Amino acid sequence: GGLIENPPRVIAEGLVAAFDWASWSLPPVFAWLQAEGGVADAEMRRTF
């Protein structure tokens, strides 16, 4: 469920996790998987 499905499991009702997606670089393994598989950003974030 990645970064989309897991944080809500530990966050109080009425609050949401607002990620700053630019605060870190996608590590090389994920960059390769995304490029090689043509995986969309949203799918990457809810899978890995």
All heavy atoms as atom14 arrays in JSON, in Angstrom:
{
  "sequence": "GGLIENPPRVIAEGLVAAFDWASWSLPPVFAWLQAEGGVADAEMRRTF",
  "atom14_mask": [
    [1, 1, 1, 1, 0, 0, 0, 0, 0, 0, 0, 0, 0, 0],
    [1, 1, 1, 1, 0, 0, 0, 0, 0, 0, 0, 0, 0, 0],
    [1, 1, 1, 1, 1, 1, 1, 1, 0, 0, 0, 0, 0, 0],
    [1, 1, 1, 1, 1, 1, 1, 1, 0, 0, 0, 0, 0, 0],
    [1, 1, 1, 1, 1, 1, 1, 1, 1, 0, 0, 0, 0, 0],
    [1, 1, 1, 1, 1, 1, 1, 1, 0, 0, 0, 0, 0, 0],
    [1, 1, 1, 1, 1, 1, 1, 0, 0, 0, 0, 0, 0, 0],
    [1, 1, 1, 1, 1, 1, 1, 0, 0, 0, 0, 0, 0, 0],
    [1, 1, 1, 1, 1, 1, 1, 1, 1, 1, 1, 0, 0, 0],
    [1, 1, 1, 1, 1, 1, 1, 0, 0, 0, 0, 0, 0, 0],
    [1, 1, 1, 1, 1, 1, 1, 1, 0, 0, 0, 0, 0, 0],
    [1, 1, 1, 1, 1, 0, 0, 0, 0, 0, 0, 0, 0, 0],
    [1, 1, 1, 1, 1, 1, 1, 1, 1, 0, 0, 0, 0, 0],
    [1, 1, 1, 1, 0, 0, 0, 0, 0, 0, 0, 0, 0, 0],
    [1, 1, 1, 1, 1, 1, 1, 1, 0, 0, 0, 0, 0, 0],
    [1, 1, 1, 1, 1, 1, 1, 0, 0, 0, 0, 0, 0, 0],
    [1, 1, 1, 1, 1, 0, 0, 0, 0, 0, 0, 0, 0, 0],
    [1, 1, 1, 1, 1, 0, 0, 0, 0, 0, 0, 0, 0, 0],
    [1, 1, 1, 1, 1, 1, 1, 1, 1, 1, 1, 0, 0, 0],
    [1, 1, 1, 1, 1, 1, 1, 1, 0, 0, 0, 0, 0, 0],
    [1, 1, 1, 1, 1, 1, 1, 1, 1, 1, 1, 1, 1, 1],
    [1, 1, 1, 1, 1, 0, 0, 0, 0, 0, 0, 0, 0, 0],
    [1, 1, 1, 1, 1, 1, 0, 0, 0, 0, 0, 0, 0, 0],
    [1, 1, 1, 1, 1, 1, 1, 1, 1, 1, 1, 1, 1, 1],
    [1, 1, 1, 1, 1, 1, 0, 0, 0, 0, 0, 0, 0, 0],
    [1, 1, 1, 1, 1, 1, 1, 1, 0, 0, 0, 0, 0, 0],
    [1, 1, 1, 1, 1, 1, 1, 0, 0, 0, 0, 0, 0, 0],
    [1, 1, 1, 1, 1, 1, 1, 0, 0, 0, 0, 0, 0, 0],
    [1, 1, 1, 1, 1, 1, 1, 0, 0, 0, 0, 0, 0, 0],
    [1, 1, 1, 1, 1, 1, 1, 1, 1, 1, 1, 0, 0, 0],
    [1, 1, 1, 1, 1, 0, 0, 0, 0, 0, 0, 0, 0, 0],
    [1, 1, 1, 1, 1, 1, 1, 1, 1, 1, 1, 1, 1, 1],
    [1, 1, 1, 1, 1, 1, 1, 1, 0, 0, 0, 0, 0, 0],
    [1, 1, 1, 1, 1, 1, 1, 1, 1, 0, 0, 0, 0, 0],
    [1, 1, 1, 1, 1, 0, 0, 0, 0, 0, 0, 0, 0, 0],
    [1, 1, 1, 1, 1, 1, 1, 1, 1, 0, 0, 0, 0, 0],
    [1, 1, 1, 1, 0, 0, 0, 0, 0, 0, 0, 0, 0, 0],
    [1, 1, 1, 1, 0, 0, 0, 0, 0, 0, 0, 0, 0, 0],
    [1, 1, 1, 1, 1, 1, 1, 0, 0, 0, 0, 0, 0, 0],
    [1, 1, 1, 1, 1, 0, 0, 0, 0, 0, 0, 0, 0, 0],
    [1, 1, 1, 1, 1, 1, 1, 1, 0, 0, 0, 0, 0, 0],
    [1, 1, 1, 1, 1, 0, 0, 0, 0, 0, 0, 0, 0, 0],
    [1, 1, 1, 1, 1, 1, 1, 1, 1, 0, 0, 0, 0, 0],
    [1, 1, 1, 1, 1, 1, 1, 1, 0, 0, 0, 0, 0, 0],
    [1, 1, 1, 1, 1, 1, 1, 1, 1, 1, 1, 0, 0, 0],
    [1, 1, 1, 1, 1, 1, 1, 1, 1, 1, 1, 0, 0, 0],
    [1, 1, 1, 1, 1, 1, 1, 0, 0, 0, 0, 0, 0, 0],
    [1, 1, 1, 1, 1, 1, 1, 1, 1, 1, 1, 0, 0, 0]
  ],
  "atom14_positions": [
    [[0.81, -1.21, 0.0], [0.0, 0.0, 0.0], [0.84, 1.26, 0.0], [0.34, 2.37, -0.19], [0.0, 0.0, 0.0], [0.0, 0.0, 0.0], [0.0, 0.0, 0.0], [0.0, 0.0, 0.0], [0.0, 0.0, 0.0], [0.0, 0.0, 0.0], [0.0, 0.0, 0.0], [0.0, 0.0, 0.0], [0.0, 0.0, 0.0], [0.0, 0.0, 0.0]],
    [[2.15, 1.09, 0.23], [3.09, 2.18, 0.08], [2.83, 3.38, 0.95], [2.28, 3.29, 2.06], [0.0, 0.0, 0.0], [0.0, 0.0, 0.0], [0.0, 0.0, 0.0], [0.0, 0.0, 0.0], [0.0, 0.0, 0.0], [0.0, 0.0, 0.0], [0.0, 0.0, 0.0], [0.0, 0.0, 0.0], [0.0, 0.0, 0.0], [0.0, 0.0, 0.0]],
    [[3.2, 4.55, 0.45], [3.1, 5.79, 1.2], [1.69, 6.38, 1.17], [1.41, 7.36, 1.86], [4.09, 6.81, 0.64], [5.56, 6.53, 0.98], [6.49, 7.3, 0.06], [5.86, 6.87, 2.44], [0.0, 0.0, 0.0], [0.0, 0.0, 0.0], [0.0, 0.0, 0.0], [0.0, 0.0, 0.0], [0.0, 0.0, 0.0], [0.0, 0.0, 0.0]],
    [[0.82, 5.77, 0.39], [-0.56, 6.26, 0.31], [-1.45, 5.57, 1.34], [-2.23, 6.23, 2.05], [-1.13, 6.05, -1.11], [-0.24, 6.73, -2.16], [-2.57, 6.55, -1.19], [-0.06, 8.22, -1.96], [0.0, 0.0, 0.0], [0.0, 0.0, 0.0], [0.0, 0.0, 0.0], [0.0, 0.0, 0.0], [0.0, 0.0, 0.0], [0.0, 0.0, 0.0]],
    [[-1.34, 4.25, 1.45], [-2.26, 3.49, 2.28], [-1.84, 3.34, 3.74], [-2.68, 3.18, 4.62], [-2.45, 2.08, 1.68], [-2.95, 2.07, 0.25], [-4.37, 2.57, 0.12], [-5.12, 2.53, 1.13], [-4.75, 3.03, -0.98], [0.0, 0.0, 0.0], [0.0, 0.0, 0.0], [0.0, 0.0, 0.0], [0.0, 0.0, 0.0], [0.0, 0.0, 0.0]],
    [[-0.52, 3.39, 4.03], [-0.07, 3.1, 5.39], [-0.15, 4.26, 6.38], [-0.61, 4.05, 7.51], [1.35, 2.51, 5.35], [1.36, 1.09, 4.81], [0.89, 0.17, 5.47], [1.87, 0.92, 3.6], [0.0, 0.0, 0.0], [0.0, 0.0, 0.0], [0.0, 0.0, 0.0], [0.0, 0.0, 0.0], [0.0, 0.0, 0.0], [0.0, 0.0, 0.0]],
    [[0.29, 5.47, 6.06], [0.21, 6.56, 7.05], [-1.19, 6.79, 7.63], [-1.3, 7.04, 8.85], [0.73, 7.77, 6.27], [1.7, 7.18, 5.29], [1.04, 5.9, 4.86], [0.0, 0.0, 0.0], [0.0, 0.0, 0.0], [0.0, 0.0, 0.0], [0.0, 0.0, 0.0], [0.0, 0.0, 0.0], [0.0, 0.0, 0.0], [0.0, 0.0, 0.0]],
    [[-2.27, 6.72, 6.84], [-3.59, 6.95, 7.45], [-3.94, 5.98, 8.57], [-4.8, 6.29, 9.4], [-4.54, 6.78, 6.25], [-3.73, 7.14, 5.05], [-2.36, 6.6, 5.37], [0.0, 0.0, 0.0], [0.0, 0.0, 0.0], [0.0, 0.0, 0.0], [0.0, 0.0, 0.0], [0.0, 0.0, 0.0], [0.0, 0.0, 0.0], [0.0, 0.0, 0.0]],
    [[-3.28, 4.84, 8.62], [-3.56, 3.85, 9.66], [-3.14, 4.33, 11.04], [-3.58, 3.77, 12.06], [-2.86, 2.53, 9.33], [-3.31, 1.9, 8.03], [-2.37, 0.8, 7.55], [-2.32, -0.33, 8.45], [-1.51, -1.37, 8.27], [-0.68, -1.41, 7.22], [-1.52, -2.37, 9.13], [0.0, 0.0, 0.0], [0.0, 0.0, 0.0], [0.0, 0.0, 0.0]],
    [[-2.26, 5.35, 11.11], [-1.75, 5.8, 12.41], [-2.02, 7.28, 12.65], [-1.45, 7.88, 13.57], [-0.23, 5.53, 12.53], [0.06, 4.04, 12.38], [0.58, 6.33, 11.51], [0.0, 0.0, 0.0], [0.0, 0.0, 0.0], [0.0, 0.0, 0.0], [0.0, 0.0, 0.0], [0.0, 0.0, 0.0], [0.0, 0.0, 0.0], [0.0, 0.0, 0.0]],
    [[-2.89, 7.88, 11.85], [-3.17, 9.32, 11.96], [-4.6, 9.53, 12.42], [-5.53, 8.84, 11.98], [-2.91, 10.02, 10.61], [-1.4, 9.98, 10.29], [-3.4, 11.46, 10.63], [-1.04, 10.48, 8.92], [0.0, 0.0, 0.0], [0.0, 0.0, 0.0], [0.0, 0.0, 0.0], [0.0, 0.0, 0.0], [0.0, 0.0, 0.0], [0.0, 0.0, 0.0]],
    [[-4.78, 10.47, 13.32], [-6.08, 10.72, 13.94], [-7.1, 11.19, 12.9], [-6.76, 11.82, 11.89], [-5.94, 11.78, 15.04], [0.0, 0.0, 0.0], [0.0, 0.0, 0.0], [0.0, 0.0, 0.0], [0.0, 0.0, 0.0], [0.0, 0.0, 0.0], [0.0, 0.0, 0.0], [0.0, 0.0, 0.0], [0.0, 0.0, 0.0], [0.0, 0.0, 0.0]],
    [[-8.35, 10.89, 13.18], [-9.43, 11.33, 12.32], [-9.43, 12.86, 12.24], [-9.22, 13.55, 13.24], [-10.77, 10.84, 12.88], [-11.95, 11.07, 11.96], [-13.23, 10.45, 12.48], [-13.16, 9.69, 13.49], [-14.28, 10.71, 11.9], [0.0, 0.0, 0.0], [0.0, 0.0, 0.0], [0.0, 0.0, 0.0], [0.0, 0.0, 0.0], [0.0, 0.0, 0.0]],
    [[-9.65, 13.38, 11.04], [-9.64, 14.82, 10.83], [-8.3, 15.38, 10.41], [-8.18, 16.58, 10.13], [0.0, 0.0, 0.0], [0.0, 0.0, 0.0], [0.0, 0.0, 0.0], [0.0, 0.0, 0.0], [0.0, 0.0, 0.0], [0.0, 0.0, 0.0], [0.0, 0.0, 0.0], [0.0, 0.0, 0.0], [0.0, 0.0, 0.0], [0.0, 0.0, 0.0]],
    [[-7.27, 14.51, 10.39], [-5.94, 14.91, 9.96], [-5.48, 14.05, 8.79], [-5.92, 12.9, 8.64], [-4.93, 14.77, 11.11], [-5.16, 15.63, 12.35], [-4.18, 15.25, 13.45], [-5.02, 17.12, 12.0], [0.0, 0.0, 0.0], [0.0, 0.0, 0.0], [0.0, 0.0, 0.0], [0.0, 0.0, 0.0], [0.0, 0.0, 0.0], [0.0, 0.0, 0.0]],
    [[-4.6, 14.6, 7.97], [-4.03, 13.85, 6.85], [-2.53, 14.09, 6.8], [-2.02, 15.12, 7.27], [-4.66, 14.26, 5.5], [-6.13, 13.89, 5.46], [-4.45, 15.74, 5.22], [0.0, 0.0, 0.0], [0.0, 0.0, 0.0], [0.0, 0.0, 0.0], [0.0, 0.0, 0.0], [0.0, 0.0, 0.0], [0.0, 0.0, 0.0], [0.0, 0.0, 0.0]],
    [[-1.81, 13.12, 6.21], [-0.37, 13.26, 5.98], [-0.15, 13.99, 4.67], [-0.54, 13.49, 3.6], [0.29, 11.88, 5.95], [0.0, 0.0, 0.0], [0.0, 0.0, 0.0], [0.0, 0.0, 0.0], [0.0, 0.0, 0.0], [0.0, 0.0, 0.0], [0.0, 0.0, 0.0], [0.0, 0.0, 0.0], [0.0, 0.0, 0.0], [0.0, 0.0, 0.0]],
    [[0.43, 15.17, 4.75], [0.75, 15.94, 3.54], [2.24, 15.8, 3.27], [3.06, 16.43, 3.95], [0.37, 17.4, 3.74], [0.0, 0.0, 0.0], [0.0, 0.0, 0.0], [0.0, 0.0, 0.0], [0.0, 0.0, 0.0], [0.0, 0.0, 0.0], [0.0, 0.0, 0.0], [0.0, 0.0, 0.0], [0.0, 0.0, 0.0], [0.0, 0.0, 0.0]],
    [[2.59, 14.95, 2.31], [3.99, 14.71, 2.0], [4.54, 15.81, 1.1], [3.86, 16.31, 0.19], [4.17, 13.36, 1.29], [4.11, 12.18, 2.21], [2.95, 11.44, 2.33], [5.21, 11.81, 2.96], [2.88, 10.35, 3.18], [5.17, 10.72, 3.82], [4.0, 9.99, 3.93], [0.0, 0.0, 0.0], [0.0, 0.0, 0.0], [0.0, 0.0, 0.0]],
    [[5.77, 16.2, 1.37], [6.52, 17.06, 0.47], [7.34, 16.12, -0.41], [8.43, 15.7, -0.04], [7.42, 18.0, 1.28], [8.3, 18.86, 0.38], [8.15, 18.79, -0.86], [9.14, 19.6, 0.93], [0.0, 0.0, 0.0], [0.0, 0.0, 0.0], [0.0, 0.0, 0.0], [0.0, 0.0, 0.0], [0.0, 0.0, 0.0], [0.0, 0.0, 0.0]],
    [[6.79, 15.8, -1.57], [7.41, 14.78, -2.43], [8.76, 15.23, -2.97], [9.54, 14.39, -3.43], [6.47, 14.42, -3.57], [5.16, 13.86, -3.1], [3.95, 14.48, -3.09], [4.94, 12.56, -2.53], [2.98, 13.65, -2.57], [3.55, 12.47, -2.21], [5.75, 11.46, -2.25], [2.97, 11.33, -1.63], [5.19, 10.32, -1.68], [3.83, 10.27, -1.38]],
    [[9.03, 16.52, -2.91], [10.32, 17.04, -3.4], [11.4, 17.02, -2.32], [12.54, 17.41, -2.58], [10.14, 18.46, -3.93], [0.0, 0.0, 0.0], [0.0, 0.0, 0.0], [0.0, 0.0, 0.0], [0.0, 0.0, 0.0], [0.0, 0.0, 0.0], [0.0, 0.0, 0.0], [0.0, 0.0, 0.0], [0.0, 0.0, 0.0], [0.0, 0.0, 0.0]],
    [[11.05, 16.57, -1.11], [12.01, 16.62, -0.01], [13.03, 15.49, -0.05], [13.99, 15.5, 0.72], [11.27, 16.61, 1.34], [10.54, 15.4, 1.5], [0.0, 0.0, 0.0], [0.0, 0.0, 0.0], [0.0, 0.0, 0.0], [0.0, 0.0, 0.0], [0.0, 0.0, 0.0], [0.0, 0.0, 0.0], [0.0, 0.0, 0.0], [0.0, 0.0, 0.0]],
    [[12.82, 14.52, -0.91], [13.83, 13.47, -1.09], [13.82, 13.01, -2.54], [12.82, 13.17, -3.25], [13.61, 12.31, -0.13], [12.52, 11.32, -0.47], [12.66, 10.12, -1.11], [11.12, 11.42, -0.16], [11.45, 9.48, -1.22], [10.49, 10.25, -0.64], [10.33, 12.38, 0.48], [9.12, 10.02, -0.51], [8.97, 12.17, 0.61], [8.38, 10.99, 0.12]],
    [[14.94, 12.46, -2.96], [15.07, 11.95, -4.33], [14.73, 10.47, -4.37], [15.07, 9.72, -3.44], [16.51, 12.15, -4.84], [16.84, 13.52, -4.85], [0.0, 0.0, 0.0], [0.0, 0.0, 0.0], [0.0, 0.0, 0.0], [0.0, 0.0, 0.0], [0.0, 0.0, 0.0], [0.0, 0.0, 0.0], [0.0, 0.0, 0.0], [0.0, 0.0, 0.0]],
    [[14.07, 10.06, -5.43], [13.75, 8.65, -5.6], [15.04, 7.86, -5.73], [15.85, 8.15, -6.62], [12.89, 8.49, -6.85], [12.01, 7.24, -6.97], [10.97, 7.2, -5.84], [11.33, 7.21, -8.33], [0.0, 0.0, 0.0], [0.0, 0.0, 0.0], [0.0, 0.0, 0.0], [0.0, 0.0, 0.0], [0.0, 0.0, 0.0], [0.0, 0.0, 0.0]],
    [[15.31, 6.9, -4.84], [16.54, 6.11, -4.94], [16.66, 5.39, -6.29], [15.64, 5.12, -6.94], [16.4, 5.11, -3.79], [15.52, 5.8, -2.8], [14.53, 6.55, -3.64], [0.0, 0.0, 0.0], [0.0, 0.0, 0.0], [0.0, 0.0, 0.0], [0.0, 0.0, 0.0], [0.0, 0.0, 0.0], [0.0, 0.0, 0.0], [0.0, 0.0, 0.0]],
    [[17.88, 5.08, -6.71], [18.11, 4.51, -8.05], [17.27, 3.28, -8.37], [16.8, 3.14, -9.5], [19.6, 4.19, -8.04], [20.19, 5.19, -7.1], [19.17, 5.38, -6.03], [0.0, 0.0, 0.0], [0.0, 0.0, 0.0], [0.0, 0.0, 0.0], [0.0, 0.0, 0.0], [0.0, 0.0, 0.0], [0.0, 0.0, 0.0], [0.0, 0.0, 0.0]],
    [[17.07, 2.38, -7.41], [16.3, 1.17, -7.7], [14.87, 1.53, -8.11], [14.31, 0.96, -9.04], [16.3, 0.2, -6.49], [15.76, 0.84, -5.22], [15.48, -1.06, -6.82], [0.0, 0.0, 0.0], [0.0, 0.0, 0.0], [0.0, 0.0, 0.0], [0.0, 0.0, 0.0], [0.0, 0.0, 0.0], [0.0, 0.0, 0.0], [0.0, 0.0, 0.0]],
    [[14.27, 2.5, -7.43], [12.9, 2.88, -7.75], [12.84, 3.68, -9.05], [11.89, 3.54, -9.82], [12.29, 3.67, -6.59], [12.17, 2.88, -5.33], [13.02, 3.13, -4.26], [11.24, 1.87, -5.21], [12.93, 2.39, -3.1], [11.13, 1.13, -4.04], [11.98, 1.39, -2.98], [0.0, 0.0, 0.0], [0.0, 0.0, 0.0], [0.0, 0.0, 0.0]],
    [[13.86, 4.51, -9.29], [13.9, 5.26, -10.54], [13.99, 4.3, -11.72], [13.33, 4.5, -12.76], [15.09, 6.23, -10.53], [0.0, 0.0, 0.0], [0.0, 0.0, 0.0], [0.0, 0.0, 0.0], [0.0, 0.0, 0.0], [0.0, 0.0, 0.0], [0.0, 0.0, 0.0], [0.0, 0.0, 0.0], [0.0, 0.0, 0.0], [0.0, 0.0, 0.0]],
    [[14.78, 3.24, -11.58], [14.91, 2.26, -12.65], [13.6, 1.5, -12.85], [13.14, 1.32, -13.99], [16.04, 1.27, -12.34], [16.22, 0.25, -13.44], [16.9, 0.42, -14.61], [15.7, -1.09, -13.47], [16.84, -0.72, -15.37], [16.11, -1.67, -14.69], [14.94, -1.85, -12.58], [15.78, -2.97, -15.05], [14.61, -3.15, -12.94], [15.02, -3.71, -14.16]],
    [[12.97, 1.06, -11.75], [11.71, 0.34, -11.85], [10.64, 1.2, -12.52], [9.89, 0.73, -13.38], [11.24, -0.1, -10.46], [12.03, -1.22, -9.8], [11.64, -1.35, -8.32], [11.79, -2.55, -10.51], [0.0, 0.0, 0.0], [0.0, 0.0, 0.0], [0.0, 0.0, 0.0], [0.0, 0.0, 0.0], [0.0, 0.0, 0.0], [0.0, 0.0, 0.0]],
    [[10.59, 2.48, -12.14], [9.58, 3.36, -12.71], [9.82, 3.58, -14.2], [8.87, 3.49, -15.01], [9.57, 4.71, -11.98], [8.5, 5.66, -12.52], [8.32, 6.9, -11.68], [9.26, 7.36, -11.03], [7.11, 7.43, -11.66], [0.0, 0.0, 0.0], [0.0, 0.0, 0.0], [0.0, 0.0, 0.0], [0.0, 0.0, 0.0], [0.0, 0.0, 0.0]],
    [[11.08, 3.83, -14.58], [11.38, 4.09, -15.98], [11.2, 2.83, -16.83], [10.6, 2.88, -17.91], [12.81, 4.63, -16.12], [0.0, 0.0, 0.0], [0.0, 0.0, 0.0], [0.0, 0.0, 0.0], [0.0, 0.0, 0.0], [0.0, 0.0, 0.0], [0.0, 0.0, 0.0], [0.0, 0.0, 0.0], [0.0, 0.0, 0.0], [0.0, 0.0, 0.0]],
    [[11.7, 1.71, -16.34], [11.64, 0.46, -17.11], [10.22, -0.04, -17.25], [9.84, -0.6, -18.28], [12.51, -0.61, -16.43], [12.77, -1.83, -17.27], [13.63, -1.54, -18.49], [14.58, -0.72, -18.38], [13.36, -2.13, -19.56], [0.0, 0.0, 0.0], [0.0, 0.0, 0.0], [0.0, 0.0, 0.0], [0.0, 0.0, 0.0], [0.0, 0.0, 0.0]],
    [[9.42, 0.17, -16.2], [8.04, -0.32, -16.24], [7.03, 0.72, -16.69], [5.84, 0.39, -16.84], [0.0, 0.0, 0.0], [0.0, 0.0, 0.0], [0.0, 0.0, 0.0], [0.0, 0.0, 0.0], [0.0, 0.0, 0.0], [0.0, 0.0, 0.0], [0.0, 0.0, 0.0], [0.0, 0.0, 0.0], [0.0, 0.0, 0.0], [0.0, 0.0, 0.0]],
    [[7.47, 1.97, -16.89], [6.53, 3.01, -17.25], [5.46, 3.21, -16.19], [4.29, 3.45, -16.5], [0.0, 0.0, 0.0], [0.0, 0.0, 0.0], [0.0, 0.0, 0.0], [0.0, 0.0, 0.0], [0.0, 0.0, 0.0], [0.0, 0.0, 0.0], [0.0, 0.0, 0.0], [0.0, 0.0, 0.0], [0.0, 0.0, 0.0], [0.0, 0.0, 0.0]],
    [[5.86, 3.12, -14.92], [4.91, 3.17, -13.8], [4.63, 4.62, -13.43], [5.56, 5.41, -13.23], [5.46, 2.4, -12.58], [4.41, 2.36, -11.47], [5.88, 0.99, -12.98], [0.0, 0.0, 0.0], [0.0, 0.0, 0.0], [0.0, 0.0, 0.0], [0.0, 0.0, 0.0], [0.0, 0.0, 0.0], [0.0, 0.0, 0.0], [0.0, 0.0, 0.0]],
    [[3.37, 4.97, -13.32], [2.98, 6.34, -12.97], [3.36, 6.66, -11.53], [3.48, 5.76, -10.68], [1.47, 6.51, -13.16], [0.0, 0.0, 0.0], [0.0, 0.0, 0.0], [0.0, 0.0, 0.0], [0.0, 0.0, 0.0], [0.0, 0.0, 0.0], [0.0, 0.0, 0.0], [0.0, 0.0, 0.0], [0.0, 0.0, 0.0], [0.0, 0.0, 0.0]],
    [[3.54, 7.94, -11.22], [3.9, 8.36, -9.87], [2.91, 7.83, -8.83], [3.32, 7.32, -7.77], [3.94, 9.89, -9.78], [5.18, 10.48, -10.44], [6.13, 9.72, -10.72], [5.19, 11.71, -10.67], [0.0, 0.0, 0.0], [0.0, 0.0, 0.0], [0.0, 0.0, 0.0], [0.0, 0.0, 0.0], [0.0, 0.0, 0.0], [0.0, 0.0, 0.0]],
    [[1.62, 7.97, -9.11], [0.6, 7.54, -8.14], [0.7, 6.04, -7.87], [0.55, 5.59, -6.72], [-0.8, 7.9, -8.65], [0.0, 0.0, 0.0], [0.0, 0.0, 0.0], [0.0, 0.0, 0.0], [0.0, 0.0, 0.0], [0.0, 0.0, 0.0], [0.0, 0.0, 0.0], [0.0, 0.0, 0.0], [0.0, 0.0, 0.0], [0.0, 0.0, 0.0]],
    [[0.99, 5.26, -8.9], [1.11, 3.81, -8.73], [2.37, 3.46, -7.96], [2.37, 2.54, -7.13], [1.12, 3.12, -10.1], [1.07, 1.6, -10.05], [-0.25, 1.06, -9.51], [-1.24, 1.81, -9.42], [-0.28, -0.14, -9.15], [0.0, 0.0, 0.0], [0.0, 0.0, 0.0], [0.0, 0.0, 0.0], [0.0, 0.0, 0.0], [0.0, 0.0, 0.0]],
    [[3.46, 4.19, -8.2], [4.68, 3.97, -7.44], [4.42, 4.2, -5.96], [4.82, 3.39, -5.1], [5.78, 4.92, -7.91], [6.35, 4.64, -9.28], [7.34, 3.11, -9.38], [8.74, 3.52, -8.33], [0.0, 0.0, 0.0], [0.0, 0.0, 0.0], [0.0, 0.0, 0.0], [0.0, 0.0, 0.0], [0.0, 0.0, 0.0], [0.0, 0.0, 0.0]],
    [[3.73, 5.29, -5.63], [3.54, 5.69, -4.23], [2.58, 4.78, -3.49], [2.65, 4.71, -2.26], [3.06, 7.14, -4.18], [4.11, 8.14, -4.66], [3.52, 9.52, -4.9], [4.53, 10.43, -5.44], [4.27, 11.66, -5.88], [3.02, 12.13, -5.85], [5.24, 12.41, -6.35], [0.0, 0.0, 0.0], [0.0, 0.0, 0.0], [0.0, 0.0, 0.0]],
    [[1.69, 4.09, -4.19], [0.76, 3.18, -3.5], [1.2, 1.72, -3.59], [0.5, 0.83, -3.12], [-0.66, 3.35, -4.02], [-0.89, 2.85, -5.43], [-2.27, 3.27, -5.94], [-3.31, 2.71, -5.09], [-3.94, 1.54, -5.35], [-3.61, 0.83, -6.4], [-4.89, 1.11, -4.56], [0.0, 0.0, 0.0], [0.0, 0.0, 0.0], [0.0, 0.0, 0.0]],
    [[2.36, 1.47, -4.23], [2.89, 0.11, -4.34], [4.18, -0.05, -3.56], [4.37, -1.04, -2.85], [3.15, -0.25, -5.82], [1.94, -0.12, -6.56], [3.68, -1.67, -5.95], [0.0, 0.0, 0.0], [0.0, 0.0, 0.0], [0.0, 0.0, 0.0], [0.0, 0.0, 0.0], [0.0, 0.0, 0.0], [0.0, 0.0, 0.0], [0.0, 0.0, 0.0]],
    [[5.07, 0.94, -3.66], [6.41, 0.85, -3.08], [6.59, 1.87, -1.95], [5.82, 2.82, -1.82], [7.47, 1.11, -4.15], [7.47, 0.13, -5.28], [7.15, 0.55, -6.57], [7.77, -1.2, -5.08], [7.15, -0.34, -7.63], [7.78, -2.11, -6.13], [7.46, -1.67, -7.41], [0.0, 0.0, 0.0], [0.0, 0.0, 0.0], [0.0, 0.0, 0.0]]
  ]
}
